[in-house]
Amino acid sequence: MSDSGERKTRFIAFSSGKGGVGKTFLSLNVAAALATRGHSVWLFDGDMGLANVHVLLGIQPQFDISDAVAGRCTLSQTLFDGPAGIKVIPGSSGKRDMAEMGTLEMTQVVQALGTLTPAADFVIIDTGAGIGKHVTMLARLADTIVVVVRDEPASLADAYGLIKVMHQDFGNRNFEIVVNDVVSVPRGQQVFERLQQVAMRFLELNLVLGGIVPHESEVMMATRRRETLIKAAPRSLTTAAINQIAMRFEGLKVDNENSRAFLKLVGGTARTGSQ
């Protein structure tokens, strides 16, 4: 926070209605792209039960979010150095108690994210898939919610479900749609327009096209090598698309009104200890 009490860190949540759409891959690579452009970036793996950012990087962290929640370390002690200078806050994997974590513990995580110092320029949150309370709490903290979709009926249907919940239940209006792993830019535009039409018809909500990421073999190559795509294939079309998404976020404005209201809300939750 600045001396005036205004937050300057931009929080961006990458979410999806269903798993398997490339959300974590995009979170990691957009974070690396922003860092390469000179920004300080934290990447928080917010999938509390099945985290895998560290798996994509081939790193086994000493501590993860479960250790911080249990009091074995602070949240800042979970940070490890990722590619391009990003700092990674690892989630937990294969721990049912974390997947079923209560509201009080989740509130403590959210509050801790807002107090890490020195403040980063960007905090990229890779939420879990779906519309569970862990996803919605982390998404509500963000200045914009990036909804990742693929050209599949189930992906679009579940993405709409996520948007509907975040808009109708929590009042979010800032959604950027990223169409991932698509055969062509025109096809990606068509996929976005289908989702946009449904959102306008039933929610009267205007969505924003945040990016179209093409299908390329380099993506699988980078994943197998445990590297970011911007390092493994810096001249690929997919890398160019990811860099364009990162450039869009450089112009993102901090929603201080939203963050103050939400942090006040979770602060009240923490004091009451409600579950």
Protein backbone atom coordinates (compact mmCIF):
# COMPACT_ATOMS: atom_id res chain seq x y z
CA MET A 1 0.00 0.00 0.00
CA SER A 2 1.17 3.54 -0.66
CA ASP A 3 1.33 6.28 1.98
CA SER A 4 -2.15 7.36 0.89
CA GLY A 5 -3.49 3.86 1.61
CA GLU A 6 -4.00 3.11 -2.07
CA ARG A 7 -2.89 -0.30 -3.29
CA LYS A 8 -0.57 -0.21 -6.30
CA THR A 9 -0.11 -3.93 -6.86
CA ARG A 10 -2.29 -5.25 -9.65
CA PHE A 11 -3.98 -8.56 -8.83
CA ILE A 12 -4.92 -10.78 -11.79
CA ALA A 13 -6.78 -14.06 -11.30
CA PHE A 14 -6.55 -16.76 -13.95
CA SER A 15 -9.61 -18.97 -13.63
CA SER A 16 -11.59 -21.48 -15.66
CA GLY A 17 -14.88 -23.27 -15.43
CA LYS A 18 -13.23 -26.66 -16.01
CA GLY A 19 -9.75 -28.07 -15.72
CA GLY A 20 -7.47 -29.01 -18.59
CA VAL A 21 -7.75 -25.75 -20.55
CA GLY A 22 -4.15 -24.57 -19.99
CA LYS A 23 -4.86 -22.09 -17.20
CA THR A 24 -1.73 -22.86 -15.16
CA PHE A 25 0.47 -22.82 -18.26
CA LEU A 26 -0.82 -19.37 -19.18
CA SER A 27 -0.53 -18.06 -15.61
CA LEU A 28 3.11 -19.09 -15.47
CA ASN A 29 4.03 -17.78 -18.89
CA VAL A 30 2.21 -14.46 -18.57
CA ALA A 31 3.93 -13.96 -15.20
CA ALA A 32 7.31 -14.66 -16.82
CA ALA A 33 6.49 -12.32 -19.72
CA LEU A 34 5.66 -9.49 -17.30
CA ALA A 35 8.87 -10.10 -15.38
CA THR A 36 10.88 -10.09 -18.60
CA ARG A 37 9.36 -6.68 -19.33
CA GLY A 38 10.87 -5.34 -16.11
CA HIS A 39 8.07 -5.83 -13.58
CA SER A 40 8.24 -7.47 -10.18
CA VAL A 41 5.83 -10.41 -10.22
CA TRP A 42 4.54 -12.94 -7.71
CA LEU A 43 2.80 -16.05 -8.97
CA PHE A 44 0.48 -17.62 -6.41
CA ASP A 45 -0.61 -21.19 -7.07
CA GLY A 46 -4.08 -20.90 -5.58
CA ASP A 47 -5.24 -24.45 -6.25
CA MET A 48 -5.32 -25.52 -2.62
CA GLY A 49 -5.53 -29.26 -3.15
CA LEU A 50 -4.03 -29.99 -6.58
CA ALA A 51 -1.38 -27.33 -7.15
CA ASN A 52 1.01 -27.89 -10.04
CA VAL A 53 2.96 -24.71 -10.87
CA HIS A 54 5.97 -26.27 -9.17
CA VAL A 55 5.42 -29.43 -11.25
CA LEU A 56 5.56 -27.41 -14.48
CA LEU A 57 8.85 -25.96 -13.27
CA GLY A 58 10.31 -29.25 -12.02
CA ILE A 59 10.89 -27.79 -8.55
CA GLN A 60 10.09 -29.31 -5.16
CA PRO A 61 9.66 -26.36 -2.77
CA GLN A 62 10.79 -26.57 0.83
CA PHE A 63 7.51 -25.09 2.06
CA ASP A 64 4.10 -24.58 0.48
CA ILE A 65 0.86 -22.87 1.41
CA SER A 66 -0.14 -25.74 3.70
CA ASP A 67 2.90 -25.04 5.88
CA ALA A 68 1.95 -21.36 6.15
CA VAL A 69 -1.66 -22.21 7.07
CA ALA A 70 -0.44 -24.67 9.73
CA GLY A 71 1.92 -22.05 11.19
CA ARG A 72 5.11 -23.93 10.32
CA CYS A 73 6.34 -20.92 8.34
CA THR A 74 5.17 -17.53 7.13
CA LEU A 75 3.72 -17.00 3.67
CA SER A 76 6.85 -15.09 2.64
CA GLN A 77 8.97 -18.12 3.60
CA THR A 78 7.17 -20.23 1.00
CA LEU A 79 8.42 -18.01 -1.83
CA PHE A 80 10.92 -19.52 -4.23
CA ASP A 81 12.64 -18.07 -7.28
CA GLY A 82 10.98 -18.90 -10.56
CA PRO A 83 11.94 -18.19 -14.18
CA ALA A 84 12.65 -14.64 -15.37
CA GLY A 85 12.89 -13.43 -11.77
CA ILE A 86 9.32 -14.16 -10.69
CA LYS A 87 8.60 -15.22 -7.12
CA VAL A 88 6.38 -18.28 -6.75
CA ILE A 89 4.08 -18.98 -3.81
CA PRO A 90 3.47 -22.73 -4.13
CA GLY A 91 0.12 -24.29 -3.40
CA SER A 92 -0.32 -27.73 -1.92
CA SER A 93 -0.90 -30.93 -3.84
CA GLY A 94 -2.61 -34.14 -2.75
CA LYS A 95 -3.69 -32.80 0.65
CA ARG A 96 -7.39 -33.25 1.27
CA ASP A 97 -7.45 -30.98 4.32
CA MET A 98 -6.23 -28.11 2.15
CA ALA A 99 -8.77 -28.87 -0.56
CA GLU A 100 -11.45 -28.71 2.15
CA MET A 101 -9.95 -25.69 3.95
CA GLY A 102 -12.49 -23.57 5.82
CA THR A 103 -13.37 -19.93 5.31
CA LEU A 104 -11.29 -18.71 8.26
CA GLU A 105 -8.07 -20.30 6.98
CA MET A 106 -8.79 -19.13 3.45
CA THR A 107 -9.37 -15.62 4.77
CA GLN A 108 -5.97 -15.69 6.45
CA VAL A 109 -4.36 -16.64 3.14
CA VAL A 110 -6.10 -13.78 1.33
CA GLN A 111 -5.08 -11.27 4.00
CA ALA A 112 -1.48 -12.50 3.95
CA LEU A 113 -1.32 -11.98 0.19
CA GLY A 114 -2.15 -8.33 0.69
CA THR A 115 0.58 -7.78 3.28
CA LEU A 116 3.64 -9.36 1.64
CA THR A 117 6.52 -6.89 1.34
CA PRO A 118 8.03 -5.37 -0.65
CA ALA A 119 4.87 -5.12 -2.72
CA ALA A 120 5.12 -6.50 -6.26
CA ASP A 121 3.90 -4.76 -9.39
CA PHE A 122 1.73 -7.78 -10.20
CA VAL A 123 0.32 -10.74 -8.29
CA ILE A 124 -0.82 -13.45 -10.70
CA ILE A 125 -3.23 -15.87 -9.01
CA ASP A 126 -3.69 -19.27 -10.61
CA THR A 127 -6.97 -20.32 -9.03
CA GLY A 128 -8.39 -23.81 -9.09
CA ALA A 129 -11.04 -24.68 -11.65
CA GLY A 130 -14.77 -24.41 -11.01
CA ILE A 131 -16.85 -22.24 -8.68
CA GLY A 132 -15.86 -23.47 -5.22
CA LYS A 133 -15.27 -21.05 -2.34
CA HIS A 134 -11.49 -21.14 -2.75
CA VAL A 135 -11.84 -20.03 -6.36
CA THR A 136 -14.41 -17.33 -5.69
CA MET A 137 -12.52 -15.81 -2.75
CA LEU A 138 -9.29 -15.51 -4.71
CA ALA A 139 -11.08 -14.23 -7.81
CA ARG A 140 -12.84 -11.55 -5.77
CA LEU A 141 -9.46 -10.20 -4.69
CA ALA A 142 -8.45 -9.55 -8.30
CA ASP A 143 -8.67 -6.35 -10.32
CA THR A 144 -9.62 -8.47 -13.32
CA ILE A 145 -10.57 -12.11 -13.75
CA VAL A 146 -9.02 -13.86 -16.74
CA VAL A 147 -11.30 -16.70 -17.80
CA VAL A 148 -9.40 -19.26 -19.89
CA VAL A 149 -11.45 -21.27 -22.39
CA ARG A 150 -10.84 -23.77 -25.16
CA ASP A 151 -12.87 -24.44 -28.27
CA GLU A 152 -14.99 -27.08 -26.56
CA PRO A 153 -18.68 -26.97 -25.59
CA ALA A 154 -17.98 -28.09 -22.01
CA SER A 155 -15.28 -25.44 -21.57
CA LEU A 156 -17.58 -22.67 -22.78
CA ALA A 157 -20.53 -23.87 -20.71
CA ASP A 158 -18.46 -24.07 -17.54
CA ALA A 159 -16.79 -20.71 -18.24
CA TYR A 160 -20.22 -19.13 -18.51
CA GLY A 161 -21.17 -20.76 -15.21
CA LEU A 162 -18.11 -19.23 -13.53
CA ILE A 163 -18.81 -15.78 -15.00
CA LYS A 164 -22.45 -15.99 -13.93
CA VAL A 165 -21.55 -16.83 -10.33
CA MET A 166 -18.88 -14.14 -10.03
CA HIS A 167 -21.14 -11.52 -11.60
CA GLN A 168 -24.50 -12.31 -10.01
CA ASP A 169 -23.31 -13.44 -6.58
CA PHE A 170 -20.32 -11.14 -6.08
CA GLY A 171 -20.84 -8.23 -8.48
CA ASN A 172 -17.71 -8.70 -10.60
CA ARG A 173 -17.81 -7.02 -14.01
CA ASN A 174 -14.16 -7.14 -15.11
CA PHE A 175 -13.69 -10.32 -17.12
CA GLU A 176 -11.08 -10.91 -19.81
CA ILE A 177 -11.51 -14.00 -21.94
CA VAL A 178 -8.45 -15.81 -23.24
CA VAL A 179 -9.16 -18.44 -25.89
CA ASN A 180 -6.36 -20.98 -25.57
CA ASP A 181 -4.96 -23.69 -27.85
CA VAL A 182 -7.07 -22.66 -30.85
CA VAL A 183 -6.40 -23.53 -34.50
CA SER A 184 -6.53 -19.95 -35.79
CA VAL A 185 -7.17 -16.37 -34.74
CA PRO A 186 -10.50 -16.20 -36.64
CA ARG A 187 -11.65 -19.37 -34.90
CA GLY A 188 -10.63 -17.90 -31.54
CA GLN A 189 -12.65 -14.79 -32.32
CA GLN A 190 -15.68 -16.97 -33.07
CA VAL A 191 -15.28 -18.83 -29.77
CA PHE A 192 -15.15 -15.55 -27.88
CA GLU A 193 -18.18 -14.16 -29.69
CA ARG A 194 -20.23 -17.23 -28.75
CA LEU A 195 -19.47 -16.67 -25.07
CA GLN A 196 -20.03 -12.95 -25.40
CA GLN A 197 -23.46 -13.42 -26.95
CA VAL A 198 -24.57 -15.66 -24.10
CA ALA A 199 -23.24 -13.25 -21.46
CA MET A 200 -25.01 -10.30 -23.08
CA ARG A 201 -28.28 -12.19 -23.52
CA PHE A 202 -28.60 -13.61 -20.03
CA LEU A 203 -26.41 -11.33 -17.89
CA GLU A 204 -26.31 -8.09 -19.90
CA LEU A 205 -22.58 -8.28 -19.33
CA ASN A 206 -19.95 -7.13 -21.80
CA LEU A 207 -16.89 -9.36 -21.83
CA VAL A 208 -13.42 -8.37 -23.08
CA LEU A 209 -11.29 -10.48 -25.39
CA GLY A 210 -7.99 -10.66 -23.55
CA GLY A 211 -6.13 -12.80 -26.07
CA ILE A 212 -6.15 -15.67 -28.53
CA VAL A 213 -3.40 -18.25 -28.02
CA PRO A 214 -2.75 -20.56 -30.98
CA HIS A 215 -2.10 -24.29 -30.91
CA GLU A 216 1.60 -25.06 -31.45
CA SER A 217 3.81 -28.07 -30.77
CA GLU A 218 6.28 -25.81 -28.94
CA VAL A 219 3.90 -25.68 -25.97
CA MET A 220 4.26 -29.40 -25.28
CA MET A 221 8.01 -29.17 -25.86
CA ALA A 222 8.36 -26.42 -23.23
CA THR A 223 6.19 -28.35 -20.77
CA ARG A 224 8.28 -31.50 -21.14
CA ARG A 225 11.49 -29.50 -20.65
CA ARG A 226 10.07 -27.79 -17.53
CA GLU A 227 10.68 -24.39 -19.12
CA THR A 228 8.58 -21.35 -19.84
CA LEU A 229 7.57 -21.00 -23.45
CA ILE A 230 9.16 -17.56 -23.72
CA LYS A 231 12.50 -19.22 -22.99
CA ALA A 232 12.01 -22.46 -24.95
CA ALA A 233 10.48 -20.87 -28.06
CA PRO A 234 10.83 -17.07 -27.88
CA ARG A 235 9.89 -16.59 -31.55
CA SER A 236 6.81 -18.81 -31.59
CA LEU A 237 3.34 -17.49 -32.34
CA THR A 238 2.19 -18.65 -28.92
CA THR A 239 4.93 -16.64 -27.21
CA ALA A 240 3.89 -13.59 -29.24
CA ALA A 241 0.29 -14.05 -28.07
CA ILE A 242 1.39 -14.38 -24.44
CA ASN A 243 3.50 -11.22 -24.72
CA GLN A 244 0.47 -9.36 -26.08
CA ILE A 245 -1.58 -10.48 -23.08
CA ALA A 246 1.20 -9.26 -20.75
CA MET A 247 1.27 -5.90 -22.52
CA ARG A 248 -2.48 -5.55 -22.00
CA PHE A 249 -2.04 -6.05 -18.28
CA GLU A 250 0.53 -3.27 -18.10
CA GLY A 251 -2.36 -0.89 -18.68
CA LEU A 252 -4.59 -2.48 -16.04
CA LYS A 253 -5.82 -0.09 -13.36
CA VAL A 254 -5.96 -1.04 -9.71
CA ASP A 255 -9.53 -1.27 -8.40
CA ASN A 256 -8.91 0.19 -4.94
CA GLU A 257 -12.61 0.52 -4.17
CA ASN A 258 -13.15 -3.19 -4.80
CA SER A 259 -10.08 -4.27 -2.84
CA ARG A 260 -10.95 -2.10 0.18
CA ALA A 261 -14.48 -3.48 0.28
CA PHE A 262 -13.32 -7.08 -0.08
CA LEU A 263 -10.49 -6.85 2.46
CA LYS A 264 -12.89 -5.21 4.90
CA LEU A 265 -15.27 -8.11 4.34
CA VAL A 266 -12.65 -10.82 4.89
CA GLY A 267 -11.33 -8.90 7.88
CA GLY A 268 -14.78 -9.15 9.44
CA THR A 269 -14.88 -12.84 8.62
CA ALA A 270 -11.54 -13.39 10.33
CA ARG A 271 -12.67 -11.55 13.47
CA THR A 272 -15.89 -13.54 13.76
CA GLY A 273 -14.16 -16.81 12.95
CA SER A 274 -17.09 -17.96 10.85
CA GLN A 275 -16.78 -21.17 8.86
